[in-house]
Amino acid sequence: LSDVLALPGIGRTTAGGILTAAFNQPVPILDGNVKRIL
């Protein structure tokens, strides 16, 4: 996670989307859709 977040243009939600989809890591997301649901 720390390495992904250090890449240009990647914030917490984008990192979570990549790490969960590619590596099945338990990292949360909070994009506009998720904010509205919660």
PDB file of all heavy atoms in Angstrom:
ATOM      1  N   LEU A   1       0.819  -1.213   0.000  1.00  0.00           N
ATOM      2  CA  LEU A   1       0.000   0.000   0.000  1.00  0.00           C
ATOM      3  C   LEU A   1       0.850   1.259   0.000  1.00  0.00           C
ATOM      4  O   LEU A   1       0.583   2.192  -0.763  1.00  0.00           O
ATOM      5  CB  LEU A   1      -0.942  -0.010   1.212  1.00  0.00           C
ATOM      6  CG  LEU A   1      -1.848   1.221   1.369  1.00  0.00           C
ATOM      7  CD1 LEU A   1      -2.749   1.403   0.160  1.00  0.00           C
ATOM      8  CD2 LEU A   1      -2.686   1.107   2.644  1.00  0.00           C
ATOM      9  N   SER A   2       1.879   1.312   0.832  1.00  0.00           N
ATOM     10  CA  SER A   2       2.710   2.515   0.918  1.00  0.00           C
ATOM     11  C   SER A   2       3.404   2.806  -0.406  1.00  0.00           C
ATOM     12  O   SER A   2       3.544   3.972  -0.818  1.00  0.00           O
ATOM     13  CB  SER A   2       3.742   2.372   2.036  1.00  0.00           C
ATOM     14  OG  SER A   2       4.571   1.241   1.813  1.00  0.00           O
ATOM     15  N   ASP A   3       3.838   1.750  -1.111  1.00  0.00           N
ATOM     16  CA  ASP A   3       4.504   1.936  -2.397  1.00  0.00           C
ATOM     17  C   ASP A   3       3.520   2.407  -3.464  1.00  0.00           C
ATOM     18  O   ASP A   3       3.846   3.260  -4.297  1.00  0.00           O
ATOM     19  CB  ASP A   3       5.153   0.627  -2.850  1.00  0.00           C
ATOM     20  CG  ASP A   3       6.309   0.197  -1.959  1.00  0.00           C
ATOM     21  OD1 ASP A   3       6.912   1.077  -1.313  1.00  0.00           O
ATOM     22  OD2 ASP A   3       6.589  -1.008  -1.887  1.00  0.00           O
ATOM     23  N   VAL A   4       2.321   1.847  -3.451  1.00  0.00           N
ATOM     24  CA  VAL A   4       1.307   2.246  -4.430  1.00  0.00           C
ATOM     25  C   VAL A   4       0.902   3.701  -4.215  1.00  0.00           C
ATOM     26  O   VAL A   4       0.758   4.476  -5.165  1.00  0.00           O
ATOM     27  CB  VAL A   4       0.086   1.307  -4.356  1.00  0.00           C
ATOM     28  CG1 VAL A   4      -1.011   1.776  -5.310  1.00  0.00           C
ATOM     29  CG2 VAL A   4       0.485  -0.124  -4.690  1.00  0.00           C
ATOM     30  N   LEU A   5       0.741   4.087  -2.950  1.00  0.00           N
ATOM     31  CA  LEU A   5       0.352   5.466  -2.637  1.00  0.00           C
ATOM     32  C   LEU A   5       1.437   6.465  -3.024  1.00  0.00           C
ATOM     33  O   LEU A   5       1.147   7.650  -3.230  1.00  0.00           O
ATOM     34  CB  LEU A   5       0.033   5.606  -1.144  1.00  0.00           C
ATOM     35  CG  LEU A   5      -1.272   4.979  -0.682  1.00  0.00           C
ATOM     36  CD1 LEU A   5      -1.367   5.006   0.847  1.00  0.00           C
ATOM     37  CD2 LEU A   5      -2.467   5.696  -1.282  1.00  0.00           C
ATOM     38  N   ALA A   6       2.670   6.010  -3.133  1.00  0.00           N
ATOM     39  CA  ALA A   6       3.769   6.898  -3.495  1.00  0.00           C
ATOM     40  C   ALA A   6       3.835   7.174  -4.991  1.00  0.00           C
ATOM     41  O   ALA A   6       4.567   8.060  -5.426  1.00  0.00           O
ATOM     42  CB  ALA A   6       5.098   6.301  -3.024  1.00  0.00           C
ATOM     43  N   LEU A   7       3.062   6.448  -5.781  1.00  0.00           N
ATOM     44  CA  LEU A   7       3.058   6.660  -7.223  1.00  0.00           C
ATOM     45  C   LEU A   7       2.216   7.890  -7.575  1.00  0.00           C
ATOM     46  O   LEU A   7       1.178   8.129  -6.952  1.00  0.00           O
ATOM     47  CB  LEU A   7       2.493   5.435  -7.943  1.00  0.00           C
ATOM     48  CG  LEU A   7       3.308   4.142  -7.823  1.00  0.00           C
ATOM     49  CD1 LEU A   7       2.534   2.982  -8.441  1.00  0.00           C
ATOM     50  CD2 LEU A   7       4.669   4.299  -8.491  1.00  0.00           C
ATOM     51  N   PRO A   8       2.626   8.676  -8.570  1.00  0.00           N
ATOM     52  CA  PRO A   8       1.866   9.869  -8.952  1.00  0.00           C
ATOM     53  C   PRO A   8       0.430   9.535  -9.352  1.00  0.00           C
ATOM     54  O   PRO A   8       0.181   8.559 -10.077  1.00  0.00           O
ATOM     55  CB  PRO A   8       2.650  10.411 -10.151  1.00  0.00           C
ATOM     56  CG  PRO A   8       4.027   9.855 -10.009  1.00  0.00           C
ATOM     57  CD  PRO A   8       3.857   8.515  -9.370  1.00  0.00           C
ATOM     58  N   GLY A   9      -0.516  10.328  -8.858  1.00  0.00           N
ATOM     59  CA  GLY A   9      -1.908  10.203  -9.277  1.00  0.00           C
ATOM     60  C   GLY A   9      -2.711   9.142  -8.564  1.00  0.00           C
ATOM     61  O   GLY A   9      -3.869   8.912  -8.918  1.00  0.00           O
ATOM     62  N   ILE A  10      -2.121   8.473  -7.563  1.00  0.00           N
ATOM     63  CA  ILE A  10      -2.833   7.412  -6.865  1.00  0.00           C
ATOM     64  C   ILE A  10      -3.094   7.816  -5.420  1.00  0.00           C
ATOM     65  O   ILE A  10      -2.166   8.048  -4.648  1.00  0.00           O
ATOM     66  CB  ILE A  10      -2.056   6.080  -6.907  1.00  0.00           C
ATOM     67  CG1 ILE A  10      -1.918   5.605  -8.350  1.00  0.00           C
ATOM     68  CG2 ILE A  10      -2.744   5.019  -6.059  1.00  0.00           C
ATOM     69  CD1 ILE A  10      -1.249   4.249  -8.506  1.00  0.00           C
ATOM     70  N   GLY A  11      -4.377   7.915  -5.078  1.00  0.00           N
ATOM     71  CA  GLY A  11      -4.784   8.195  -3.718  1.00  0.00           C
ATOM     72  C   GLY A  11      -5.288   6.932  -3.039  1.00  0.00           C
ATOM     73  O   GLY A  11      -5.181   5.822  -3.574  1.00  0.00           O
ATOM     74  N   ARG A  12      -5.876   7.113  -1.892  1.00  0.00           N
ATOM     75  CA  ARG A  12      -6.242   5.975  -1.054  1.00  0.00           C
ATOM     76  C   ARG A  12      -7.302   5.083  -1.701  1.00  0.00           C
ATOM     77  O   ARG A  12      -7.196   3.855  -1.668  1.00  0.00           O
ATOM     78  CB  ARG A  12      -6.736   6.512   0.300  1.00  0.00           C
ATOM     79  CG  ARG A  12      -6.847   5.467   1.381  1.00  0.00           C
ATOM     80  CD  ARG A  12      -7.165   6.143   2.705  1.00  0.00           C
ATOM     81  NE  ARG A  12      -7.545   5.164   3.714  1.00  0.00           N
ATOM     82  CZ  ARG A  12      -7.988   5.491   4.944  1.00  0.00           C
ATOM     83  NH1 ARG A  12      -8.088   6.775   5.270  1.00  0.00           N
ATOM     84  NH2 ARG A  12      -8.327   4.548   5.803  1.00  0.00           N
ATOM     85  N   THR A  13      -8.321   5.678  -2.300  1.00  0.00           N
ATOM     86  CA  THR A  13      -9.368   4.880  -2.932  1.00  0.00           C
ATOM     87  C   THR A  13      -8.849   4.134  -4.159  1.00  0.00           C
ATOM     88  O   THR A  13      -9.129   2.942  -4.345  1.00  0.00           O
ATOM     89  CB  THR A  13     -10.558   5.767  -3.326  1.00  0.00           C
ATOM     90  OG1 THR A  13     -11.300   6.088  -2.143  1.00  0.00           O
ATOM     91  CG2 THR A  13     -11.494   5.051  -4.288  1.00  0.00           C
ATOM     92  N   THR A  14      -8.074   4.822  -5.003  1.00  0.00           N
ATOM     93  CA  THR A  14      -7.510   4.169  -6.183  1.00  0.00           C
ATOM     94  C   THR A  14      -6.588   3.029  -5.782  1.00  0.00           C
ATOM     95  O   THR A  14      -6.631   1.939  -6.372  1.00  0.00           O
ATOM     96  CB  THR A  14      -6.759   5.187  -7.050  1.00  0.00           C
ATOM     97  OG1 THR A  14      -7.668   6.227  -7.437  1.00  0.00           O
ATOM     98  CG2 THR A  14      -6.179   4.539  -8.294  1.00  0.00           C
ATOM     99  N   ALA A  15      -5.766   3.259  -4.757  1.00  0.00           N
ATOM    100  CA  ALA A  15      -4.882   2.193  -4.274  1.00  0.00           C
ATOM    101  C   ALA A  15      -5.691   0.999  -3.783  1.00  0.00           C
ATOM    102  O   ALA A  15      -5.352  -0.154  -4.059  1.00  0.00           O
ATOM    103  CB  ALA A  15      -3.984   2.733  -3.159  1.00  0.00           C
ATOM    104  N   GLY A  16      -6.784   1.276  -3.064  1.00  0.00           N
ATOM    105  CA  GLY A  16      -7.634   0.197  -2.579  1.00  0.00           C
ATOM    106  C   GLY A  16      -8.262  -0.587  -3.712  1.00  0.00           C
ATOM    107  O   GLY A  16      -8.340  -1.822  -3.667  1.00  0.00           O
ATOM    108  N   GLY A  17      -8.702   0.121  -4.743  1.00  0.00           N
ATOM    109  CA  GLY A  17      -9.298  -0.555  -5.886  1.00  0.00           C
ATOM    110  C   GLY A  17      -8.310  -1.474  -6.587  1.00  0.00           C
ATOM    111  O   GLY A  17      -8.654  -2.595  -6.987  1.00  0.00           O
ATOM    112  N   ILE A  18      -7.063  -1.024  -6.722  1.00  0.00           N
ATOM    113  CA  ILE A  18      -6.043  -1.832  -7.393  1.00  0.00           C
ATOM    114  C   ILE A  18      -5.639  -3.028  -6.538  1.00  0.00           C
ATOM    115  O   ILE A  18      -5.592  -4.172  -7.008  1.00  0.00           O
ATOM    116  CB  ILE A  18      -4.800  -0.977  -7.713  1.00  0.00           C
ATOM    117  CG1 ILE A  18      -5.167   0.160  -8.675  1.00  0.00           C
ATOM    118  CG2 ILE A  18      -3.688  -1.839  -8.295  1.00  0.00           C
ATOM    119  CD1 ILE A  18      -4.088   1.220  -8.813  1.00  0.00           C
ATOM    120  N   LEU A  19      -5.347  -2.773  -5.263  1.00  0.00           N
ATOM    121  CA  LEU A  19      -4.817  -3.832  -4.396  1.00  0.00           C
ATOM    122  C   LEU A  19      -5.857  -4.912  -4.101  1.00  0.00           C
ATOM    123  O   LEU A  19      -5.506  -6.085  -3.947  1.00  0.00           O
ATOM    124  CB  LEU A  19      -4.286  -3.229  -3.099  1.00  0.00           C
ATOM    125  CG  LEU A  19      -2.994  -2.408  -3.250  1.00  0.00           C
ATOM    126  CD1 LEU A  19      -2.645  -1.701  -1.950  1.00  0.00           C
ATOM    127  CD2 LEU A  19      -1.841  -3.289  -3.702  1.00  0.00           C
ATOM    128  N   THR A  20      -7.126  -4.531  -4.015  1.00  0.00           N
ATOM    129  CA  THR A  20      -8.140  -5.557  -3.770  1.00  0.00           C
ATOM    130  C   THR A  20      -8.419  -6.368  -5.036  1.00  0.00           C
ATOM    131  O   THR A  20      -8.536  -7.591  -4.981  1.00  0.00           O
ATOM    132  CB  THR A  20      -9.455  -4.935  -3.260  1.00  0.00           C
ATOM    133  OG1 THR A  20      -9.906  -3.928  -4.184  1.00  0.00           O
ATOM    134  CG2 THR A  20      -9.289  -4.332  -1.885  1.00  0.00           C
ATOM    135  N   ALA A  21      -8.494  -5.696  -6.189  1.00  0.00           N
ATOM    136  CA  ALA A  21      -8.814  -6.401  -7.431  1.00  0.00           C
ATOM    137  C   ALA A  21      -7.646  -7.246  -7.933  1.00  0.00           C
ATOM    138  O   ALA A  21      -7.844  -8.346  -8.456  1.00  0.00           O
ATOM    139  CB  ALA A  21      -9.242  -5.408  -8.512  1.00  0.00           C
ATOM    140  N   ALA A  22      -6.417  -6.744  -7.783  1.00  0.00           N
ATOM    141  CA  ALA A  22      -5.253  -7.455  -8.324  1.00  0.00           C
ATOM    142  C   ALA A  22      -4.643  -8.438  -7.338  1.00  0.00           C
ATOM    143  O   ALA A  22      -4.162  -9.501  -7.737  1.00  0.00           O
ATOM    144  CB  ALA A  22      -4.198  -6.446  -8.770  1.00  0.00           C
ATOM    145  N   PHE A  23      -4.669  -8.089  -6.045  1.00  0.00           N
ATOM    146  CA  PHE A  23      -3.958  -8.904  -5.048  1.00  0.00           C
ATOM    147  C   PHE A  23      -4.862  -9.408  -3.920  1.00  0.00           C
ATOM    148  O   PHE A  23      -4.373 -10.045  -2.987  1.00  0.00           O
ATOM    149  CB  PHE A  23      -2.801  -8.093  -4.456  1.00  0.00           C
ATOM    150  CG  PHE A  23      -1.838  -7.567  -5.495  1.00  0.00           C
ATOM    151  CD1 PHE A  23      -1.821  -6.219  -5.823  1.00  0.00           C
ATOM    152  CD2 PHE A  23      -0.968  -8.423  -6.151  1.00  0.00           C
ATOM    153  CE1 PHE A  23      -0.935  -5.721  -6.779  1.00  0.00           C
ATOM    154  CE2 PHE A  23      -0.077  -7.934  -7.106  1.00  0.00           C
ATOM    155  CZ  PHE A  23      -0.062  -6.587  -7.418  1.00  0.00           C
ATOM    156  N   ASN A  24      -6.161  -9.093  -3.992  1.00  0.00           N
ATOM    157  CA  ASN A  24      -7.132  -9.521  -2.980  1.00  0.00           C
ATOM    158  C   ASN A  24      -6.722  -9.106  -1.568  1.00  0.00           C
ATOM    159  O   ASN A  24      -6.950  -9.827  -0.589  1.00  0.00           O
ATOM    160  CB  ASN A  24      -7.349 -11.039  -3.033  1.00  0.00           C
ATOM    161  CG  ASN A  24      -8.720 -11.437  -2.491  1.00  0.00           C
ATOM    162  OD1 ASN A  24      -9.713 -10.746  -2.727  1.00  0.00           O
ATOM    163  ND2 ASN A  24      -8.788 -12.530  -1.759  1.00  0.00           N
ATOM    164  N   GLN A  25      -6.135  -7.918  -1.460  1.00  0.00           N
ATOM    165  CA  GLN A  25      -5.741  -7.400  -0.153  1.00  0.00           C
ATOM    166  C   GLN A  25      -6.913  -6.633   0.470  1.00  0.00           C
ATOM    167  O   GLN A  25      -7.634  -5.918  -0.232  1.00  0.00           O
ATOM    168  CB  GLN A  25      -4.525  -6.486  -0.280  1.00  0.00           C
ATOM    169  CG  GLN A  25      -3.262  -7.197  -0.724  1.00  0.00           C
ATOM    170  CD  GLN A  25      -2.069  -6.264  -0.759  1.00  0.00           C
ATOM    171  OE1 GLN A  25      -2.082  -5.173  -0.186  1.00  0.00           O
ATOM    172  NE2 GLN A  25      -1.005  -6.681  -1.438  1.00  0.00           N
ATOM    173  N   PRO A  26      -7.116  -6.746   1.762  1.00  0.00           N
ATOM    174  CA  PRO A  26      -8.261  -6.084   2.413  1.00  0.00           C
ATOM    175  C   PRO A  26      -8.022  -4.594   2.636  1.00  0.00           C
ATOM    176  O   PRO A  26      -7.700  -4.155   3.737  1.00  0.00           O
ATOM    177  CB  PRO A  26      -8.377  -6.844   3.738  1.00  0.00           C
ATOM    178  CG  PRO A  26      -6.991  -7.300   4.038  1.00  0.00           C
ATOM    179  CD  PRO A  26      -6.350  -7.597   2.706  1.00  0.00           C
ATOM    180  N   VAL A  27      -8.171  -3.816   1.567  1.00  0.00           N
ATOM    181  CA  VAL A  27      -7.964  -2.367   1.626  1.00  0.00           C
ATOM    182  C   VAL A  27      -9.280  -1.687   1.253  1.00  0.00           C
ATOM    183  O   VAL A  27      -9.824  -1.950   0.177  1.00  0.00           O
ATOM    184  CB  VAL A  27      -6.842  -1.922   0.660  1.00  0.00           C
ATOM    185  CG1 VAL A  27      -6.566  -0.427   0.832  1.00  0.00           C
ATOM    186  CG2 VAL A  27      -5.576  -2.738   0.897  1.00  0.00           C
ATOM    187  N   PRO A  28      -9.814  -0.807   2.112  1.00  0.00           N
ATOM    188  CA  PRO A  28     -11.116  -0.190   1.816  1.00  0.00           C
ATOM    189  C   PRO A  28     -11.025   0.855   0.715  1.00  0.00           C
ATOM    190  O   PRO A  28      -9.936   1.312   0.340  1.00  0.00           O
ATOM    191  CB  PRO A  28     -11.493   0.455   3.153  1.00  0.00           C
ATOM    192  CG  PRO A  28     -10.176   0.774   3.799  1.00  0.00           C
ATOM    193  CD  PRO A  28      -9.254  -0.355   3.395  1.00  0.00           C
ATOM    194  N   ILE A  29     -12.188   1.247   0.197  1.00  0.00           N
ATOM    195  CA  ILE A  29     -12.285   2.319  -0.791  1.00  0.00           C
ATOM    196  C   ILE A  29     -13.353   3.311  -0.329  1.00  0.00           C
ATOM    197  O   ILE A  29     -14.212   2.990   0.497  1.00  0.00           O
ATOM    198  CB  ILE A  29     -12.639   1.782  -2.186  1.00  0.00           C
ATOM    199  CG1 ILE A  29     -13.993   1.043  -2.159  1.00  0.00           C
ATOM    200  CG2 ILE A  29     -11.533   0.886  -2.726  1.00  0.00           C
ATOM    201  CD1 ILE A  29     -14.500   0.634  -3.534  1.00  0.00           C
ATOM    202  N   LEU A  30     -13.287   4.516  -0.878  1.00  0.00           N
ATOM    203  CA  LEU A  30     -14.293   5.522  -0.526  1.00  0.00           C
ATOM    204  C   LEU A  30     -14.432   6.516  -1.685  1.00  0.00           C
ATOM    205  O   LEU A  30     -14.120   7.689  -1.548  1.00  0.00           O
ATOM    206  CB  LEU A  30     -13.915   6.242   0.777  1.00  0.00           C
ATOM    207  CG  LEU A  30     -15.003   7.103   1.417  1.00  0.00           C
ATOM    208  CD1 LEU A  30     -16.175   6.256   1.882  1.00  0.00           C
ATOM    209  CD2 LEU A  30     -14.453   7.927   2.575  1.00  0.00           C
ATOM    210  N   ASP A  31     -14.915   6.015  -2.821  1.00  0.00           N
ATOM    211  CA  ASP A  31     -15.169   6.923  -3.936  1.00  0.00           C
ATOM    212  C   ASP A  31     -16.556   7.545  -3.776  1.00  0.00           C
ATOM    213  O   ASP A  31     -17.233   7.350  -2.758  1.00  0.00           O
ATOM    214  CB  ASP A  31     -15.018   6.194  -5.270  1.00  0.00           C
ATOM    215  CG  ASP A  31     -16.105   5.150  -5.504  1.00  0.00           C
ATOM    216  OD1 ASP A  31     -16.909   4.892  -4.588  1.00  0.00           O
ATOM    217  OD2 ASP A  31     -16.152   4.584  -6.612  1.00  0.00           O
ATOM    218  N   GLY A  32     -17.002   8.287  -4.784  1.00  0.00           N
ATOM    219  CA  GLY A  32     -18.288   8.971  -4.673  1.00  0.00           C
ATOM    220  C   GLY A  32     -19.449   8.021  -4.480  1.00  0.00           C
ATOM    221  O   GLY A  32     -20.372   8.302  -3.694  1.00  0.00           O
ATOM    222  N   ASN A  33     -19.427   6.889  -5.191  1.00  0.00           N
ATOM    223  CA  ASN A  33     -20.492   5.904  -5.025  1.00  0.00           C
ATOM    224  C   ASN A  33     -20.548   5.372  -3.601  1.00  0.00           C
ATOM    225  O   ASN A  33     -21.625   5.244  -3.007  1.00  0.00           O
ATOM    226  CB  ASN A  33     -20.280   4.726  -5.997  1.00  0.00           C
ATOM    227  CG  ASN A  33     -20.770   5.031  -7.403  1.00  0.00           C
ATOM    228  OD1 ASN A  33     -21.697   5.800  -7.586  1.00  0.00           O
ATOM    229  ND2 ASN A  33     -20.132   4.425  -8.375  1.00  0.00           N
ATOM    230  N   VAL A  34     -19.387   5.033  -3.061  1.00  0.00           N
ATOM    231  CA  VAL A  34     -19.340   4.440  -1.719  1.00  0.00           C
ATOM    232  C   VAL A  34     -19.738   5.465  -0.662  1.00  0.00           C
ATOM    233  O   VAL A  34     -20.467   5.145   0.291  1.00  0.00           O
ATOM    234  CB  VAL A  34     -17.943   3.862  -1.438  1.00  0.00           C
ATOM    235  CG1 VAL A  34     -17.880   3.277  -0.021  1.00  0.00           C
ATOM    236  CG2 VAL A  34     -17.594   2.788  -2.465  1.00  0.00           C
ATOM    237  N   LYS A  35     -19.319   6.695  -0.821  1.00  0.00           N
ATOM    238  CA  LYS A  35     -19.739   7.739   0.124  1.00  0.00           C
ATOM    239  C   LYS A  35     -21.254   7.857   0.161  1.00  0.00           C
ATOM    240  O   LYS A  35     -21.857   7.989   1.230  1.00  0.00           O
ATOM    241  CB  LYS A  35     -19.132   9.092  -0.279  1.00  0.00           C
ATOM    242  CG  LYS A  35     -17.653   9.219  -0.021  1.00  0.00           C
ATOM    243  CD  LYS A  35     -17.150  10.576  -0.491  1.00  0.00           C
ATOM    244  CE  LYS A  35     -15.647  10.705  -0.316  1.00  0.00           C
ATOM    245  NZ  LYS A  35     -15.148  12.015  -0.825  1.00  0.00           N
ATOM    246  N   ARG A  36     -21.869   7.822  -1.020  1.00  0.00           N
ATOM    247  CA  ARG A  36     -23.332   7.960  -1.089  1.00  0.00           C
ATOM    248  C   ARG A  36     -24.021   6.770  -0.419  1.00  0.00           C
ATOM    249  O   ARG A  36     -24.976   6.942   0.345  1.00  0.00           O
ATOM    250  CB  ARG A  36     -23.754   8.072  -2.552  1.00  0.00           C
ATOM    251  CG  ARG A  36     -25.249   8.306  -2.744  1.00  0.00           C
ATOM    252  CD  ARG A  36     -25.569   8.636  -4.179  1.00  0.00           C
ATOM    253  NE  ARG A  36     -25.202   7.590  -5.119  1.00  0.00           N
ATOM    254  CZ  ARG A  36     -24.152   7.637  -5.937  1.00  0.00           C
ATOM    255  NH1 ARG A  36     -23.347   8.680  -5.925  1.00  0.00           N
ATOM    256  NH2 ARG A  36     -23.899   6.641  -6.762  1.00  0.00           N
ATOM    257  N   ILE A  37     -23.538   5.554  -0.684  1.00  0.00           N
ATOM    258  CA  ILE A  37     -24.123   4.354  -0.072  1.00  0.00           C
ATOM    259  C   ILE A  37     -24.028   4.423   1.442  1.00  0.00           C
ATOM    260  O   ILE A  37     -25.021   4.198   2.159  1.00  0.00           O
ATOM    261  CB  ILE A  37     -23.404   3.089  -0.587  1.00  0.00           C
ATOM    262  CG1 ILE A  37     -23.669   2.870  -2.071  1.00  0.00           C
ATOM    263  CG2 ILE A  37     -23.851   1.860   0.213  1.00  0.00           C
ATOM    264  CD1 ILE A  37     -22.745   1.839  -2.701  1.00  0.00           C
ATOM    265  N   LEU A  38     -22.844   4.736   1.947  1.00  0.00           N
ATOM    266  CA  LEU A  38     -22.634   4.732   3.393  1.00  0.00           C
ATOM    267  C   LEU A  38     -23.389   5.868   4.067  1.00  0.00           C
ATOM    268  O   LEU A  38     -23.900   5.710   5.177  1.00  0.00           O
ATOM    269  CB  LEU A  38     -21.141   4.815   3.708  1.00  0.00           C
ATOM    270  CG  LEU A  38     -20.276   3.667   3.166  1.00  0.00           C
ATOM    271  CD1 LEU A  38     -18.836   3.835   3.618  1.00  0.00           C
ATOM    272  CD2 LEU A  38     -20.826   2.313   3.600  1.00  0.00           C
TER     273      LEU A  38
END
